[in-house]
Protein backbone atom coordinates (compact mmCIF):
# COMPACT_ATOMS: atom_id res chain seq x y z
CA MET A 1 22.09 -71.23 69.37
CA THR A 2 22.00 -72.99 66.00
CA PHE A 3 22.68 -71.36 62.65
CA ALA A 4 18.98 -71.66 61.70
CA GLN A 5 17.94 -69.93 64.93
CA ARG A 6 20.41 -67.11 64.32
CA GLN A 7 19.24 -66.71 60.74
CA ALA A 8 15.58 -66.59 61.85
CA ARG A 9 16.45 -63.90 64.40
CA LEU A 10 18.32 -61.84 61.81
CA ASN A 11 15.50 -62.19 59.25
CA ALA A 12 12.95 -60.97 61.82
CA LYS A 13 15.15 -57.97 62.70
CA VAL A 14 15.58 -57.03 59.03
CA LEU A 15 11.79 -57.13 58.46
CA ARG A 16 11.16 -55.03 61.57
CA ARG A 17 13.70 -52.44 60.35
CA PHE A 18 13.06 -52.39 56.60
CA GLY A 19 9.63 -53.99 56.18
CA VAL A 20 6.38 -52.11 55.64
CA ALA A 21 3.39 -52.43 57.96
CA HIS A 22 0.59 -54.69 56.66
CA VAL A 23 -2.48 -56.08 58.42
CA VAL A 24 -2.77 -59.87 58.49
CA ASN A 25 -5.79 -61.44 60.16
CA GLY A 26 -6.42 -58.15 61.99
CA VAL A 27 -2.87 -57.84 63.36
CA THR A 28 -0.25 -55.38 62.06
CA ALA A 29 3.03 -56.98 60.98
CA GLN A 30 6.13 -55.75 59.18
CA GLY A 31 6.70 -57.51 55.87
CA ASP A 32 7.78 -57.32 52.26
CA PHE A 33 4.90 -57.12 49.75
CA VAL A 34 5.56 -57.94 46.08
CA LEU A 35 3.12 -57.46 43.20
CA PRO A 36 3.09 -59.68 40.07
CA GLY A 37 5.38 -58.59 37.30
CA LYS A 38 8.16 -57.34 39.57
CA THR A 39 11.47 -58.58 38.20
CA PHE A 40 14.21 -59.94 40.44
CA ALA A 41 17.78 -60.10 39.18
CA PHE A 42 20.29 -62.59 40.55
CA ASN A 43 24.08 -62.25 40.67
CA ASP A 44 24.56 -64.74 37.83
CA GLY A 45 22.51 -62.55 35.46
CA MET A 46 19.40 -64.70 35.73
CA GLU A 47 16.05 -62.93 36.17
CA MET A 48 12.71 -64.04 37.56
CA GLN A 49 9.27 -62.41 37.73
CA ALA A 50 6.70 -62.67 40.50
CA ARG A 51 3.50 -64.38 39.25
CA VAL A 52 1.16 -63.72 42.19
CA PRO A 53 1.07 -61.08 44.91
CA THR A 54 3.17 -62.27 47.82
CA LEU A 55 3.83 -61.11 51.35
CA VAL A 56 6.91 -62.24 53.25
CA LEU A 57 6.62 -62.23 57.03
CA ALA A 58 8.68 -63.49 59.95
CA ASP A 59 7.32 -66.90 61.00
CA ALA A 60 6.25 -65.44 64.36
CA ASP A 61 3.95 -62.94 62.58
CA VAL A 62 2.11 -65.56 60.52
CA PRO A 63 -1.27 -66.50 61.98
CA THR A 64 -2.03 -70.12 62.79
CA ALA A 65 -3.54 -71.88 59.74
CA PRO A 66 -3.16 -68.76 57.56
CA VAL A 67 -4.87 -70.05 54.39
CA ASN A 68 -8.12 -68.16 53.67
CA LYS A 69 -7.36 -65.46 56.24
CA ALA A 70 -7.39 -61.77 55.31
CA ALA A 71 -4.40 -59.57 54.49
CA LEU A 72 -4.44 -55.82 53.82
CA CYS A 73 -1.45 -54.73 51.75
CA ASP A 74 -0.96 -51.27 50.23
CA GLY A 75 -4.63 -50.49 50.87
CA LEU A 76 -5.97 -53.54 49.00
CA ALA A 77 -7.74 -56.52 50.57
CA TYR A 78 -6.32 -59.98 49.83
CA THR A 79 -6.99 -63.54 50.91
CA ILE A 80 -4.06 -65.81 51.76
CA GLN A 81 -4.02 -68.73 49.30
CA GLU A 82 -0.85 -70.52 50.38
CA ALA A 83 1.80 -70.25 53.10
CA ARG A 84 5.34 -71.44 52.35
CA PRO A 85 7.80 -71.35 55.30
CA ASP A 86 11.37 -71.15 54.02
CA GLY A 87 12.91 -72.98 56.99
CA HIS A 88 14.97 -69.92 57.90
CA GLY A 89 12.46 -67.88 59.88
CA LEU A 90 10.44 -66.41 57.01
CA THR A 91 7.14 -67.44 55.43
CA VAL A 92 6.03 -66.47 51.92
CA LEU A 93 2.28 -65.92 51.70
CA ASP A 94 0.70 -66.18 48.24
CA LEU A 95 -2.23 -63.79 48.01
CA GLU A 96 -5.33 -63.30 45.87
CA LEU A 97 -7.43 -60.14 45.64
CA ALA A 98 -10.47 -60.45 47.89
């Protein structure tokens, strides 16, 4: 098993354990939902803010051709605007309120 395969497996396990249930294209999946304005701090003291709502899912939970499909996160309906696989088993979905 390659490093990338191991990392993808670990990422999927972490989302299953610590993620929150969301509905994407009618299917429930565990993920990490982030609203705009949330600040992320890095070890070097640098900070960054989310600009759009995003949902991070394991690659296996992302529907085929996800752009323009529905996502229900924290009780609000969104449309997927962009899907960005990270190459390590996770995909970041940029969302827009429906």
